[in-house]
């Protein structure tokens, strides 16, 4: 079994399991939400295991990111209330996932 090591948000494993507060896998990471150049993490887009819907988990609810999985403060009964992911502007990251930048963020030349 692989040993978990905490990593920075930008190193989030692609399609890593995302856990709720009880350790249940609520879904997998589909994209990072943030500003890579400014190193500002806004959260994750997560594909729910139960429905296949993609939802947003705000950075404030991401407790820890490791080389293996993501731990959150999302309670099991809060999963269905998570905001649906809204596609705005995508950027590719080296790990094969997608990086999203909100349209209200200023574009850099």
PDB file of N, CA and C in Angstrom:
ATOM      1  N   UNK A   1       0.841  -1.184   0.000  1.00  0.00           N
ATOM      2  CA  UNK A   1       0.000   0.000   0.000  1.00  0.00           C
ATOM      3  C   UNK A   1       0.887   1.249   0.000  1.00  0.00           C
ATOM      4  N   UNK A   2       0.537   2.199  -0.861  1.00  0.00           N
ATOM      5  CA  UNK A   2       1.326   3.422  -0.995  1.00  0.00           C
ATOM      6  C   UNK A   2       1.195   4.297   0.247  1.00  0.00           C
ATOM      7  N   UNK A   3       2.331   4.811   0.718  1.00  0.00           N
ATOM      8  CA  UNK A   3       2.322   5.711   1.873  1.00  0.00           C
ATOM      9  C   UNK A   3       1.838   7.085   1.423  1.00  0.00           C
ATOM     10  N   UNK A   4       0.927   7.655   2.200  1.00  0.00           N
ATOM     11  CA  UNK A   4       0.389   8.977   1.863  1.00  0.00           C
ATOM     12  C   UNK A   4       1.312  10.068   2.367  1.00  0.00           C
ATOM     13  N   UNK A   5       1.529  11.042   1.501  1.00  0.00           N
ATOM     14  CA  UNK A   5       2.275  12.228   1.892  1.00  0.00           C
ATOM     15  C   UNK A   5       1.447  13.440   1.493  1.00  0.00           C
ATOM     16  N   UNK A   6       1.377  14.420   2.357  1.00  0.00           N
ATOM     17  CA  UNK A   6       0.621  15.622   2.043  1.00  0.00           C
ATOM     18  C   UNK A   6       1.317  16.374   0.912  1.00  0.00           C
ATOM     19  N   UNK A   7       0.510  16.917  -0.013  1.00  0.00           N
ATOM     20  CA  UNK A   7       1.038  17.675  -1.145  1.00  0.00           C
ATOM     21  C   UNK A   7       0.289  19.003  -1.267  1.00  0.00           C
ATOM     22  N   UNK A   8       0.881  19.908  -2.034  1.00  0.00           N
ATOM     23  CA  UNK A   8       0.241  21.192  -2.313  1.00  0.00           C
ATOM     24  C   UNK A   8      -0.943  20.967  -3.256  1.00  0.00           C
ATOM     25  N   UNK A   9      -1.863  21.897  -3.286  1.00  0.00           N
ATOM     26  CA  UNK A   9      -3.068  21.761  -4.113  1.00  0.00           C
ATOM     27  C   UNK A   9      -2.750  21.526  -5.578  1.00  0.00           C
ATOM     28  N   UNK A  10      -1.707  22.157  -6.073  1.00  0.00           N
ATOM     29  CA  UNK A  10      -1.345  22.054  -7.482  1.00  0.00           C
ATOM     30  C   UNK A  10      -0.885  20.632  -7.842  1.00  0.00           C
ATOM     31  N   UNK A  11      -0.534  19.833  -6.831  1.00  0.00           N
ATOM     32  CA  UNK A  11      -0.081  18.451  -7.040  1.00  0.00           C
ATOM     33  C   UNK A  11      -1.188  17.436  -6.735  1.00  0.00           C
ATOM     34  N   UNK A  12      -2.433  17.885  -6.681  1.00  0.00           N
ATOM     35  CA  UNK A  12      -3.552  16.978  -6.428  1.00  0.00           C
ATOM     36  C   UNK A  12      -3.558  15.867  -7.478  1.00  0.00           C
ATOM     37  N   UNK A  13      -3.601  14.604  -7.038  1.00  0.00           N
ATOM     38  CA  UNK A  13      -3.636  13.514  -8.018  1.00  0.00           C
ATOM     39  C   UNK A  13      -4.921  13.552  -8.847  1.00  0.00           C
ATOM     40  N   UNK A  14      -4.788  13.304 -10.131  1.00  0.00           N
ATOM     41  CA  UNK A  14      -5.935  13.275 -11.031  1.00  0.00           C
ATOM     42  C   UNK A  14      -6.807  12.074 -10.720  1.00  0.00           C
ATOM     43  N   UNK A  15      -8.087  12.320 -10.607  1.00  0.00           N
ATOM     44  CA  UNK A  15      -9.095  11.308 -10.293  1.00  0.00           C
ATOM     45  C   UNK A  15      -8.806  10.589  -8.969  1.00  0.00           C
ATOM     46  N   UNK A  16      -8.260  11.340  -8.028  1.00  0.00           N
ATOM     47  CA  UNK A  16      -8.010  10.798  -6.692  1.00  0.00           C
ATOM     48  C   UNK A  16      -9.333  10.650  -5.943  1.00  0.00           C
ATOM     49  N   UNK A  17      -9.456   9.658  -5.079  1.00  0.00           N
ATOM     50  CA  UNK A  17     -10.651   9.536  -4.254  1.00  0.00           C
ATOM     51  C   UNK A  17     -10.786  10.746  -3.328  1.00  0.00           C
ATOM     52  N   UNK A  18     -12.006  11.232  -3.191  1.00  0.00           N
ATOM     53  CA  UNK A  18     -12.308  12.360  -2.299  1.00  0.00           C
ATOM     54  C   UNK A  18     -13.197  11.810  -1.192  1.00  0.00           C
ATOM     55  N   UNK A  19     -12.772  12.029   0.047  1.00  0.00           N
ATOM     56  CA  UNK A  19     -13.462  11.447   1.201  1.00  0.00           C
ATOM     57  C   UNK A  19     -14.264  12.466   1.977  1.00  0.00           C
ATOM     58  N   UNK A  20     -15.397  12.012   2.548  1.00  0.00           N
ATOM     59  CA  UNK A  20     -16.166  12.862   3.454  1.00  0.00           C
ATOM     60  C   UNK A  20     -15.575  12.727   4.859  1.00  0.00           C
ATOM     61  N   UNK A  21     -16.227  13.334   5.844  1.00  0.00           N
ATOM     62  CA  UNK A  21     -15.686  13.339   7.212  1.00  0.00           C
ATOM     63  C   UNK A  21     -15.647  11.956   7.845  1.00  0.00           C
ATOM     64  N   UNK A  22     -16.440  11.020   7.328  1.00  0.00           N
ATOM     65  CA  UNK A  22     -16.465   9.666   7.889  1.00  0.00           C
ATOM     66  C   UNK A  22     -15.568   8.700   7.119  1.00  0.00           C
ATOM     67  N   UNK A  23     -14.827   9.232   6.131  1.00  0.00           N
ATOM     68  CA  UNK A  23     -13.921   8.393   5.368  1.00  0.00           C
ATOM     69  C   UNK A  23     -14.561   7.683   4.195  1.00  0.00           C
ATOM     70  N   UNK A  24     -15.830   8.009   3.891  1.00  0.00           N
ATOM     71  CA  UNK A  24     -16.508   7.436   2.732  1.00  0.00           C
ATOM     72  C   UNK A  24     -16.040   8.148   1.475  1.00  0.00           C
ATOM     73  N   UNK A  25     -15.859   7.397   0.393  1.00  0.00           N
ATOM     74  CA  UNK A  25     -15.473   8.012  -0.865  1.00  0.00           C
ATOM     75  C   UNK A  25     -16.712   8.643  -1.497  1.00  0.00           C
ATOM     76  N   UNK A  26     -16.736   9.972  -1.553  1.00  0.00           N
ATOM     77  CA  UNK A  26     -17.889  10.653  -2.145  1.00  0.00           C
ATOM     78  C   UNK A  26     -17.726  10.850  -3.636  1.00  0.00           C
ATOM     79  N   UNK A  27     -16.493  10.782  -4.134  1.00  0.00           N
ATOM     80  CA  UNK A  27     -16.258  10.934  -5.566  1.00  0.00           C
ATOM     81  C   UNK A  27     -14.781  10.988  -5.874  1.00  0.00           C
ATOM     82  N   UNK A  28     -14.464  11.498  -7.084  1.00  0.00           N
ATOM     83  CA  UNK A  28     -13.074  11.616  -7.518  1.00  0.00           C
ATOM     84  C   UNK A  28     -12.810  13.012  -8.066  1.00  0.00           C
ATOM     85  N   UNK A  29     -11.573  13.451  -7.949  1.00  0.00           N
ATOM     86  CA  UNK A  29     -11.201  14.776  -8.449  1.00  0.00           C
ATOM     87  C   UNK A  29     -11.254  14.782  -9.972  1.00  0.00           C
ATOM     88  N   UNK A  30     -11.866  15.821 -10.526  1.00  0.00           N
ATOM     89  CA  UNK A  30     -11.957  15.977 -11.975  1.00  0.00           C
ATOM     90  C   UNK A  30     -11.202  17.216 -12.445  1.00  0.00           C
ATOM     91  N   UNK A  31     -11.145  18.246 -11.617  1.00  0.00           N
ATOM     92  CA  UNK A  31     -10.357  19.426 -11.972  1.00  0.00           C
ATOM     93  C   UNK A  31     -10.060  20.247 -10.734  1.00  0.00           C
ATOM     94  N   UNK A  32      -9.048  21.091 -10.868  1.00  0.00           N
ATOM     95  CA  UNK A  32      -8.666  22.022  -9.812  1.00  0.00           C
ATOM     96  C   UNK A  32      -9.284  23.372 -10.120  1.00  0.00           C
ATOM     97  N   UNK A  33      -9.723  24.059  -9.098  1.00  0.00           N
ATOM     98  CA  UNK A  33     -10.287  25.387  -9.253  1.00  0.00           C
ATOM     99  C   UNK A  33      -9.345  26.357  -8.563  1.00  0.00           C
ATOM    100  N   UNK A  34      -8.702  27.222  -9.321  1.00  0.00           N
ATOM    101  CA  UNK A  34      -7.761  28.144  -8.728  1.00  0.00           C
ATOM    102  C   UNK A  34      -7.004  28.932  -9.756  1.00  0.00           C
ATOM    103  N   UNK A  35      -6.047  29.679  -9.285  1.00  0.00           N
ATOM    104  CA  UNK A  35      -5.191  30.502 -10.126  1.00  0.00           C
ATOM    105  C   UNK A  35      -3.761  30.035  -9.909  1.00  0.00           C
ATOM    106  N   UNK A  36      -3.265  29.263 -10.863  1.00  0.00           N
ATOM    107  CA  UNK A  36      -1.937  28.660 -10.725  1.00  0.00           C
ATOM    108  C   UNK A  36      -0.842  29.710 -10.602  1.00  0.00           C
ATOM    109  N   UNK A  37      -0.898  30.760 -11.416  1.00  0.00           N
ATOM    110  CA  UNK A  37       0.150  31.783 -11.395  1.00  0.00           C
ATOM    111  C   UNK A  37       0.220  32.517 -10.066  1.00  0.00           C
ATOM    112  N   UNK A  38      -0.926  32.748  -9.453  1.00  0.00           N
ATOM    113  CA  UNK A  38      -0.958  33.452  -8.165  1.00  0.00           C
ATOM    114  C   UNK A  38      -0.969  32.490  -6.985  1.00  0.00           C
ATOM    115  N   UNK A  39      -0.971  31.178  -7.255  1.00  0.00           N
ATOM    116  CA  UNK A  39      -1.017  30.144  -6.232  1.00  0.00           C
ATOM    117  C   UNK A  39      -2.201  30.334  -5.290  1.00  0.00           C
ATOM    118  N   UNK A  40      -3.370  30.536  -5.890  1.00  0.00           N
ATOM    119  CA  UNK A  40      -4.597  30.693  -5.115  1.00  0.00           C
ATOM    120  C   UNK A  40      -5.497  29.507  -5.405  1.00  0.00           C
ATOM    121  N   UNK A  41      -5.788  28.720  -4.380  1.00  0.00           N
ATOM    122  CA  UNK A  41      -6.617  27.529  -4.494  1.00  0.00           C
ATOM    123  C   UNK A  41      -8.040  27.873  -4.095  1.00  0.00           C
ATOM    124  N   UNK A  42      -8.983  27.614  -5.004  1.00  0.00           N
ATOM    125  CA  UNK A  42     -10.389  27.908  -4.733  1.00  0.00           C
ATOM    126  C   UNK A  42     -11.204  26.658  -4.434  1.00  0.00           C
ATOM    127  N   UNK A  43     -10.697  25.491  -4.808  1.00  0.00           N
ATOM    128  CA  UNK A  43     -11.415  24.256  -4.528  1.00  0.00           C
ATOM    129  C   UNK A  43     -11.221  23.219  -5.599  1.00  0.00           C
ATOM    130  N   UNK A  44     -12.143  22.235  -5.607  1.00  0.00           N
ATOM    131  CA  UNK A  44     -12.059  21.110  -6.533  1.00  0.00           C
ATOM    132  C   UNK A  44     -13.393  20.878  -7.216  1.00  0.00           C
ATOM    133  N   UNK A  45     -13.339  20.432  -8.447  1.00  0.00           N
ATOM    134  CA  UNK A  45     -14.519  19.885  -9.113  1.00  0.00           C
ATOM    135  C   UNK A  45     -14.427  18.378  -8.913  1.00  0.00           C
ATOM    136  N   UNK A  46     -15.489  17.800  -8.365  1.00  0.00           N
ATOM    137  CA  UNK A  46     -15.485  16.392  -7.982  1.00  0.00           C
ATOM    138  C   UNK A  46     -16.658  15.669  -8.632  1.00  0.00           C
ATOM    139  N   UNK A  47     -16.370  14.541  -9.257  1.00  0.00           N
ATOM    140  CA  UNK A  47     -17.423  13.710  -9.844  1.00  0.00           C
ATOM    141  C   UNK A  47     -17.940  12.789  -8.740  1.00  0.00           C
ATOM    142  N   UNK A  48     -19.231  12.937  -8.412  1.00  0.00           N
ATOM    143  CA  UNK A  48     -19.820  12.160  -7.331  1.00  0.00           C
ATOM    144  C   UNK A  48     -19.966  10.694  -7.713  1.00  0.00           C
ATOM    145  N   UNK A  49     -19.630   9.864  -6.779  1.00  0.00           N
ATOM    146  CA  UNK A  49     -19.735   8.423  -6.968  1.00  0.00           C
ATOM    147  C   UNK A  49     -21.201   8.001  -7.084  1.00  0.00           C
ATOM    148  N   UNK A  50     -22.068   8.636  -6.311  1.00  0.00           N
ATOM    149  CA  UNK A  50     -23.474   8.240  -6.243  1.00  0.00           C
ATOM    150  C   UNK A  50     -24.262   8.556  -7.506  1.00  0.00           C
ATOM    151  N   UNK A  51     -24.014   9.711  -8.109  1.00  0.00           N
ATOM    152  CA  UNK A  51     -24.847  10.146  -9.230  1.00  0.00           C
ATOM    153  C   UNK A  51     -24.081  10.433 -10.517  1.00  0.00           C
ATOM    154  N   UNK A  52     -22.775  10.589 -10.417  1.00  0.00           N
ATOM    155  CA  UNK A  52     -21.990  10.964 -11.591  1.00  0.00           C
ATOM    156  C   UNK A  52     -21.987  12.462 -11.846  1.00  0.00           C
ATOM    157  N   UNK A  53     -22.753  13.213 -11.056  1.00  0.00           N
ATOM    158  CA  UNK A  53     -22.784  14.669 -11.197  1.00  0.00           C
ATOM    159  C   UNK A  53     -21.438  15.240 -10.767  1.00  0.00           C
ATOM    160  N   UNK A  54     -21.051  16.365 -11.375  1.00  0.00           N
ATOM    161  CA  UNK A  54     -19.811  17.034 -10.985  1.00  0.00           C
ATOM    162  C   UNK A  54     -20.190  18.237 -10.131  1.00  0.00           C
ATOM    163  N   UNK A  55     -19.614  18.289  -8.937  1.00  0.00           N
ATOM    164  CA  UNK A  55     -19.905  19.347  -7.972  1.00  0.00           C
ATOM    165  C   UNK A  55     -18.619  20.068  -7.593  1.00  0.00           C
ATOM    166  N   UNK A  56     -18.783  21.225  -6.959  1.00  0.00           N
ATOM    167  CA  UNK A  56     -17.636  21.995  -6.489  1.00  0.00           C
ATOM    168  C   UNK A  56     -17.492  21.835  -4.986  1.00  0.00           C
ATOM    169  N   UNK A  57     -16.273  21.573  -4.554  1.00  0.00           N
ATOM    170  CA  UNK A  57     -15.967  21.559  -3.128  1.00  0.00           C
ATOM    171  C   UNK A  57     -15.032  22.736  -2.889  1.00  0.00           C
ATOM    172  N   UNK A  58     -15.483  23.750  -2.137  1.00  0.00           N
ATOM    173  CA  UNK A  58     -14.655  24.933  -1.896  1.00  0.00           C
ATOM    174  C   UNK A  58     -13.386  24.591  -1.118  1.00  0.00           C
ATOM    175  N   UNK A  59     -12.352  25.374  -1.326  1.00  0.00           N
ATOM    176  CA  UNK A  59     -11.071  25.160  -0.644  1.00  0.00           C
ATOM    177  C   UNK A  59     -11.238  25.095   0.868  1.00  0.00           C
ATOM    178  N   UNK A  60     -12.156  25.887   1.408  1.00  0.00           N
ATOM    179  CA  UNK A  60     -12.372  25.892   2.859  1.00  0.00           C
ATOM    180  C   UNK A  60     -12.818  24.530   3.378  1.00  0.00           C
ATOM    181  N   UNK A  61     -13.357  23.677   2.499  1.00  0.00           N
ATOM    182  CA  UNK A  61     -13.802  22.349   2.918  1.00  0.00           C
ATOM    183  C   UNK A  61     -12.807  21.249   2.541  1.00  0.00           C
ATOM    184  N   UNK A  62     -11.681  21.630   1.962  1.00  0.00           N
ATOM    185  CA  UNK A  62     -10.628  20.658   1.657  1.00  0.00           C
ATOM    186  C   UNK A  62      -9.654  20.675   2.836  1.00  0.00           C
ATOM    187  N   UNK A  63      -9.696  19.616   3.591  1.00  0.00           N
ATOM    188  CA  UNK A  63      -8.894  19.540   4.812  1.00  0.00           C
ATOM    189  C   UNK A  63      -7.437  19.209   4.534  1.00  0.00           C
ATOM    190  N   UNK A  64      -7.219  18.221   3.626  1.00  0.00           N
ATOM    191  CA  UNK A  64      -5.855  17.780   3.348  1.00  0.00           C
ATOM    192  C   UNK A  64      -5.824  17.071   2.006  1.00  0.00           C
ATOM    193  N   UNK A  65      -4.760  17.315   1.240  1.00  0.00           N
ATOM    194  CA  UNK A  65      -4.549  16.641  -0.035  1.00  0.00           C
ATOM    195  C   UNK A  65      -3.268  15.831   0.096  1.00  0.00           C
ATOM    196  N   UNK A  66      -3.348  14.550  -0.280  1.00  0.00           N
ATOM    197  CA  UNK A  66      -2.168  13.697  -0.197  1.00  0.00           C
ATOM    198  C   UNK A  66      -1.854  13.125  -1.580  1.00  0.00           C
ATOM    199  N   UNK A  67      -0.805  12.350  -1.640  1.00  0.00           N
ATOM    200  CA  UNK A  67      -0.417  11.700  -2.891  1.00  0.00           C
ATOM    201  C   UNK A  67      -1.408  10.619  -3.309  1.00  0.00           C
ATOM    202  N   UNK A  68      -2.340  10.279  -2.424  1.00  0.00           N
ATOM    203  CA  UNK A  68      -3.272   9.187  -2.684  1.00  0.00           C
ATOM    204  C   UNK A  68      -4.729   9.637  -2.754  1.00  0.00           C
ATOM    205  N   UNK A  69      -5.142  10.557  -1.874  1.00  0.00           N
ATOM    206  CA  UNK A  69      -6.550  10.944  -1.787  1.00  0.00           C
ATOM    207  C   UNK A  69      -6.705  12.354  -1.232  1.00  0.00           C
ATOM    208  N   UNK A  70      -7.960  12.815  -1.218  1.00  0.00           N
ATOM    209  CA  UNK A  70      -8.290  14.146  -0.699  1.00  0.00           C
ATOM    210  C   UNK A  70      -9.261  13.976   0.464  1.00  0.00           C
ATOM    211  N   UNK A  71      -8.958  14.618   1.580  1.00  0.00           N
ATOM    212  CA  UNK A  71      -9.804  14.588   2.768  1.00  0.00           C
ATOM    213  C   UNK A  71     -10.559  15.909   2.858  1.00  0.00           C
ATOM    214  N   UNK A  72     -11.854  15.824   3.136  1.00  0.00           N
ATOM    215  CA  UNK A  72     -12.666  17.041   3.214  1.00  0.00           C
ATOM    216  C   UNK A  72     -13.402  17.117   4.543  1.00  0.00           C
ATOM    217  N   UNK A  73     -14.025  18.267   4.766  1.00  0.00           N
ATOM    218  CA  UNK A  73     -14.887  18.455   5.938  1.00  0.00           C
ATOM    219  C   UNK A  73     -16.354  18.348   5.540  1.00  0.00           C
ATOM    220  N   UNK A  74     -16.610  17.753   4.383  1.00  0.00           N
ATOM    221  CA  UNK A  74     -17.982  17.563   3.918  1.00  0.00           C
ATOM    222  C   UNK A  74     -18.602  16.403   4.700  1.00  0.00           C
ATOM    223  N   UNK A  75     -19.720  16.681   5.361  1.00  0.00           N
ATOM    224  CA  UNK A  75     -20.451  15.646   6.094  1.00  0.00           C
ATOM    225  C   UNK A  75     -21.207  14.783   5.083  1.00  0.00           C
ATOM    226  N   UNK A  76     -21.408  13.496   5.386  1.00  0.00           N
ATOM    227  CA  UNK A  76     -22.128  12.626   4.445  1.00  0.00           C
ATOM    228  C   UNK A  76     -23.491  13.177   4.028  1.00  0.00           C
ATOM    229  N   UNK A  77     -24.200  13.806   4.948  1.00  0.00           N
ATOM    230  CA  UNK A  77     -25.530  14.336   4.614  1.00  0.00           C
ATOM    231  C   UNK A  77     -25.474  15.672   3.871  1.00  0.00           C
ATOM    232  N   UNK A  78     -24.285  16.210   3.639  1.00  0.00           N
ATOM    233  CA  UNK A  78     -24.123  17.470   2.900  1.00  0.00           C
ATOM    234  C   UNK A  78     -23.780  17.250   1.423  1.00  0.00           C
ATOM    235  N   UNK A  79     -23.465  16.019   1.045  1.00  0.00           N
ATOM    236  CA  UNK A  79     -22.997  15.743  -0.312  1.00  0.00           C
ATOM    237  C   UNK A  79     -24.017  16.178  -1.363  1.00  0.00           C
ATOM    238  N   UNK A  80     -25.280  15.847  -1.170  1.00  0.00           N
ATOM    239  CA  UNK A  80     -26.312  16.192  -2.153  1.00  0.00           C
ATOM    240  C   UNK A  80     -26.551  17.694  -2.254  1.00  0.00           C
ATOM    241  N   UNK A  81     -26.128  18.448  -1.251  1.00  0.00           N
ATOM    242  CA  UNK A  81     -26.333  19.900  -1.257  1.00  0.00           C
ATOM    243  C   UNK A  81     -25.155  20.671  -1.857  1.00  0.00           C
ATOM    244  N   UNK A  82     -24.081  19.974  -2.249  1.00  0.00           N
ATOM    245  CA  UNK A  82     -22.931  20.655  -2.846  1.00  0.00           C
ATOM    246  C   UNK A  82     -23.341  21.309  -4.160  1.00  0.00           C
ATOM    247  N   UNK A  83     -22.799  22.496  -4.410  1.00  0.00           N
ATOM    248  CA  UNK A  83     -23.120  23.240  -5.629  1.00  0.00           C
ATOM    249  C   UNK A  83     -22.647  22.474  -6.853  1.00  0.00           C
ATOM    250  N   UNK A  84     -23.474  22.446  -7.875  1.00  0.00           N
ATOM    251  CA  UNK A  84     -23.096  21.819  -9.137  1.00  0.00           C
ATOM    252  C   UNK A  84     -21.962  22.608  -9.764  1.00  0.00           C
ATOM    253  N   UNK A  85     -21.063  21.893 -10.362  1.00  0.00           N
ATOM    254  CA  UNK A  85     -19.930  22.499 -11.049  1.00  0.00           C
ATOM    255  C   UNK A  85     -20.435  23.263 -12.270  1.00  0.00           C
ATOM    256  N   UNK A  86     -19.880  24.450 -12.497  1.00  0.00           N
ATOM    257  CA  UNK A  86     -20.228  25.215 -13.690  1.00  0.00           C
ATOM    258  C   UNK A  86     -18.958  25.473 -14.486  1.00  0.00           C
ATOM    259  N   UNK A  87     -18.998  25.083 -15.733  1.00  0.00           N
ATOM    260  CA  UNK A  87     -17.824  25.205 -16.589  1.00  0.00           C
ATOM    261  C   UNK A  87     -17.663  26.642 -17.046  1.00  0.00           C
ATOM    262  N   UNK A  88     -16.480  27.184 -16.832  1.00  0.00           N
ATOM    263  CA  UNK A  88     -16.201  28.552 -17.245  1.00  0.00           C
ATOM    264  C   UNK A  88     -15.046  28.594 -18.227  1.00  0.00           C
ATOM    265  N   UNK A  89     -13.846  28.373 -17.725  1.00  0.00           N
ATOM    266  CA  UNK A  89     -12.656  28.533 -18.553  1.00  0.00           C
ATOM    267  C   UNK A  89     -11.631  27.501 -18.104  1.00  0.00           C
ATOM    268  N   UNK A  90     -11.221  26.638 -19.000  1.00  0.00           N
ATOM    269  CA  UNK A  90     -10.353  25.517 -18.659  1.00  0.00           C
ATOM    270  C   UNK A  90      -8.912  25.736 -19.080  1.00  0.00           C
ATOM    271  N   UNK A  91      -8.009  25.187 -18.300  1.00  0.00           N
ATOM    272  CA  UNK A  91      -6.589  25.178 -18.602  1.00  0.00           C
ATOM    273  C   UNK A  91      -6.049  23.792 -18.283  1.00  0.00           C
ATOM    274  N   UNK A  92      -5.178  23.252 -19.136  1.00  0.00           N
ATOM    275  CA  UNK A  92      -4.590  21.934 -18.885  1.00  0.00           C
ATOM    276  C   UNK A  92      -3.449  22.024 -17.891  1.00  0.00           C
ATOM    277  N   UNK A  93      -3.355  21.001 -17.056  1.00  0.00           N
ATOM    278  CA  UNK A  93      -2.231  20.844 -16.131  1.00  0.00           C
ATOM    279  C   UNK A  93      -1.428  19.633 -16.576  1.00  0.00           C
ATOM    280  N   UNK A  94      -0.211  19.551 -16.101  1.00  0.00           N
ATOM    281  CA  UNK A  94       0.652  18.445 -16.478  1.00  0.00           C
ATOM    282  C   UNK A  94       0.144  17.074 -16.074  1.00  0.00           C
ATOM    283  N   UNK A  95      -0.660  16.979 -15.020  1.00  0.00           N
ATOM    284  CA  UNK A  95      -1.081  15.661 -14.561  1.00  0.00           C
ATOM    285  C   UNK A  95      -2.233  15.096 -15.356  1.00  0.00           C
ATOM    286  N   UNK A  96      -2.642  15.763 -16.408  1.00  0.00           N
ATOM    287  CA  UNK A  96      -3.691  15.225 -17.259  1.00  0.00           C
ATOM    288  C   UNK A  96      -5.062  15.720 -16.883  1.00  0.00           C
ATOM    289  N   UNK A  97      -5.149  16.410 -15.778  1.00  0.00           N
ATOM    290  CA  UNK A  97      -6.431  16.953 -15.360  1.00  0.00           C
ATOM    291  C   UNK A  97      -6.652  18.319 -15.964  1.00  0.00           C
ATOM    292  N   UNK A  98      -7.636  18.979 -15.466  1.00  0.00           N
ATOM    293  CA  UNK A  98      -7.960  20.298 -15.979  1.00  0.00           C
ATOM    294  C   UNK A  98      -7.883  21.310 -14.857  1.00  0.00           C
ATOM    295  N   UNK A  99      -7.554  22.504 -15.235  1.00  0.00           N
ATOM    296  CA  UNK A  99      -7.418  23.602 -14.282  1.00  0.00           C
ATOM    297  C   UNK A  99      -8.413  24.661 -14.708  1.00  0.00           C
ATOM    298  N   UNK A 100      -9.224  25.102 -13.802  1.00  0.00           N
ATOM    299  CA  UNK A 100     -10.247  26.056 -14.161  1.00  0.00           C
ATOM    300  C   UNK A 100      -9.955  27.414 -13.566  1.00  0.00           C
ATOM    301  N   UNK A 101     -10.186  28.425 -14.360  1.00  0.00           N
ATOM    302  CA  UNK A 101     -10.027  29.800 -13.921  1.00  0.00           C
ATOM    303  C   UNK A 101     -11.363  30.487 -14.103  1.00  0.00           C
ATOM    304  N   UNK A 102     -11.856  31.113 -13.095  1.00  0.00           N
ATOM    305  CA  UNK A 102     -13.152  31.790 -13.174  1.00  0.00           C
ATOM    306  C   UNK A 102     -13.062  32.979 -14.130  1.00  0.00           C
ATOM    307  N   UNK A 103     -14.115  33.248 -14.901  1.00  0.00           N
ATOM    308  CA  UNK A 103     -14.058  34.339 -15.885  1.00  0.00           C
ATOM    309  C   UNK A 103     -13.891  35.718 -15.256  1.00  0.00           C
ATOM    310  N   UNK A 104     -14.312  35.843 -14.012  1.00  0.00           N
ATOM    311  CA  UNK A 104     -14.159  37.146 -13.369  1.00  0.00           C
ATOM    312  C   UNK A 104     -12.703  37.451 -12.966  1.00  0.00           C
ATOM    313  N   UNK A 105     -11.836  36.425 -13.024  1.00  0.00           N
ATOM    314  CA  UNK A 105     -10.420  36.644 -12.749  1.00  0.00           C
ATOM    315  C   UNK A 105      -9.796  37.308 -13.969  1.00  0.00           C
ATOM    316  N   UNK A 106      -8.881  38.193 -13.757  1.00  0.00           N
ATOM    317  CA  UNK A 106      -8.218  38.882 -14.863  1.00  0.00           C
ATOM    318  C   UNK A 106      -7.328  37.921 -15.638  1.00  0.00           C
ATOM    319  N   UNK A 107      -7.382  38.041 -16.951  1.00  0.00           N
ATOM    320  CA  UNK A 107      -6.516  37.253 -17.805  1.00  0.00           C
ATOM    321  C   UNK A 107      -5.140  37.888 -17.814  1.00  0.00           C
ATOM    322  N   UNK A 108      -4.119  37.073 -17.783  1.00  0.00           N
ATOM    323  CA  UNK A 108      -2.758  37.585 -17.861  1.00  0.00           C
ATOM    324  C   UNK A 108      -2.300  37.526 -19.314  1.00  0.00           C
ATOM    325  N   UNK A 109      -1.495  38.523 -19.763  1.00  0.00           N
ATOM    326  CA  UNK A 109      -1.025  38.511 -21.150  1.00  0.00           C
ATOM    327  C   UNK A 109      -0.128  37.328 -21.449  1.00  0.00           C
TER     328      UNK A 109
END
